[in-house]
Amino acid sequence: MPRPSAPPAPHASAGAADPDSVEPLSQLPDTSLDPLEQLEQQERGALVRAAFDELSPAHRTVLYMRDHDDMSYEQIADALGVPLGTVRSRLHNARAALADTLGRRVETMRGLAR
């Protein structure tokens, strides 16, 4: 049985292929979260960014390359000109330091809320 063809993309137009065109819906605010959830999400993001900023430059670099740029350990090692074991060590230590910093900040916040 032949498969039906896919329906055309909604709101497709001749200008839709232009990479500079902006979908009007993409400019609307995200309403999937209520205002309190949005605030909590923003606060969590700020907490993680502040903890990330406290890392050493070497730790920030490898963590950013791995988690933001989605680079493999081998790619990071090549880019930095360091052995693979150094990348693994730095990532391990960066994640441990980030977890420790976040844990301390959360405990401080809990203490203030009492």
Protein backbone atom coordinates (compact mmCIF):
# COMPACT_ATOMS: atom_id res chain seq x y z
CA MET A 1 0.00 0.00 0.00
CA PRO A 2 1.63 3.29 -1.00
CA ARG A 3 2.29 5.81 1.74
CA PRO A 4 0.47 9.11 1.44
CA SER A 5 2.66 12.07 0.69
CA ALA A 6 3.45 14.44 3.51
CA PRO A 7 1.19 17.47 3.72
CA PRO A 8 2.77 20.81 2.86
CA ALA A 9 4.33 22.72 5.72
CA PRO A 10 1.83 25.03 7.41
CA HIS A 11 2.12 28.66 6.37
CA ALA A 12 4.69 27.80 3.71
CA SER A 13 5.32 30.59 1.28
CA ALA A 14 7.81 31.55 -1.37
CA GLY A 15 9.75 33.63 1.18
CA ALA A 16 9.95 30.78 3.69
CA ALA A 17 13.18 29.51 2.15
CA ASP A 18 14.87 32.80 3.04
CA PRO A 19 17.08 32.06 6.09
CA ASP A 20 16.64 35.64 7.29
CA SER A 21 12.87 35.36 7.48
CA VAL A 22 11.43 34.96 10.97
CA GLU A 23 8.42 32.88 11.80
CA PRO A 24 5.92 35.11 13.61
CA LEU A 25 5.18 32.36 16.16
CA SER A 26 8.83 32.18 17.21
CA GLN A 27 8.52 35.69 18.64
CA LEU A 28 5.70 34.80 21.00
CA PRO A 29 6.59 34.16 24.66
CA ASP A 30 6.76 30.58 25.88
CA THR A 31 3.45 30.00 27.65
CA SER A 32 4.14 26.37 28.51
CA LEU A 33 5.29 27.49 31.96
CA ASP A 34 3.33 29.63 34.36
CA PRO A 35 5.02 32.83 35.63
CA LEU A 36 6.28 31.18 38.83
CA GLU A 37 7.81 28.29 36.87
CA GLN A 38 9.42 30.78 34.47
CA LEU A 39 10.93 32.68 37.42
CA GLU A 40 12.22 29.45 38.98
CA GLN A 41 13.75 28.42 35.65
CA GLN A 42 15.47 31.81 35.33
CA GLU A 43 16.79 31.58 38.89
CA ARG A 44 18.15 28.06 38.30
CA GLY A 45 19.84 29.26 35.13
CA ALA A 46 21.42 32.18 36.97
CA LEU A 47 22.59 29.85 39.74
CA VAL A 48 24.26 27.47 37.28
CA ARG A 49 25.85 30.35 35.33
CA ALA A 50 27.29 31.84 38.53
CA ALA A 51 28.69 28.45 39.60
CA PHE A 52 30.11 27.91 36.10
CA ASP A 53 31.84 31.31 36.27
CA GLU A 54 33.60 30.25 39.49
CA LEU A 55 35.34 27.35 37.73
CA SER A 56 38.96 27.73 36.70
CA PRO A 57 39.49 28.76 33.06
CA ALA A 58 40.76 25.26 32.17
CA HIS A 59 37.68 23.64 33.70
CA ARG A 60 35.26 26.14 32.13
CA THR A 61 36.84 25.58 28.73
CA VAL A 62 36.56 21.79 28.64
CA LEU A 63 33.07 21.81 30.14
CA TYR A 64 31.89 24.37 27.58
CA MET A 65 33.47 22.48 24.70
CA ARG A 66 31.91 19.19 25.80
CA ASP A 67 28.45 20.27 26.94
CA HIS A 68 27.77 23.37 24.84
CA ASP A 69 29.74 22.65 21.66
CA ASP A 70 29.05 18.89 21.92
CA MET A 71 32.67 18.05 21.08
CA SER A 72 34.04 14.57 21.70
CA TYR A 73 36.84 14.04 24.20
CA GLU A 74 39.19 13.44 21.28
CA GLN A 75 38.15 16.66 19.55
CA ILE A 76 38.71 18.62 22.76
CA ALA A 77 42.14 17.06 23.24
CA ASP A 78 43.09 17.94 19.67
CA ALA A 79 41.75 21.50 19.95
CA LEU A 80 43.60 22.16 23.21
CA GLY A 81 46.71 20.20 22.33
CA VAL A 82 46.56 18.10 25.50
CA PRO A 83 46.43 14.34 26.08
CA LEU A 84 43.04 12.61 26.18
CA GLY A 85 43.57 11.72 29.85
CA THR A 86 43.95 15.41 30.68
CA VAL A 87 40.59 16.17 29.06
CA ARG A 88 38.94 13.36 31.03
CA SER A 89 40.52 14.54 34.26
CA ARG A 90 39.57 18.17 33.70
CA LEU A 91 35.98 17.24 32.86
CA HIS A 92 35.68 15.05 35.92
CA ASN A 93 37.12 17.76 38.17
CA ALA A 94 35.03 20.49 36.52
CA ARG A 95 31.80 18.56 37.06
CA ALA A 96 32.74 17.77 40.66
CA ALA A 97 33.55 21.42 41.36
CA LEU A 98 30.33 22.57 39.70
CA ALA A 99 28.27 20.09 41.73
CA ASP A 100 30.02 21.16 44.94
CA THR A 101 29.46 24.85 44.26
CA LEU A 102 25.82 24.31 43.34
CA GLY A 103 25.28 22.15 46.42
CA ARG A 104 26.72 24.82 48.71
CA ARG A 105 24.62 27.54 47.10
CA VAL A 106 21.43 25.52 47.39
CA GLU A 107 22.14 24.74 51.05
CA THR A 108 22.77 28.45 51.68
CA MET A 109 19.48 29.30 50.01
CA ARG A 110 17.65 26.69 52.08
CA GLY A 111 19.17 28.12 55.24
CA LEU A 112 17.97 31.59 54.32
CA ALA A 113 14.44 30.32 53.66
CA ARG A 114 14.03 28.95 57.20
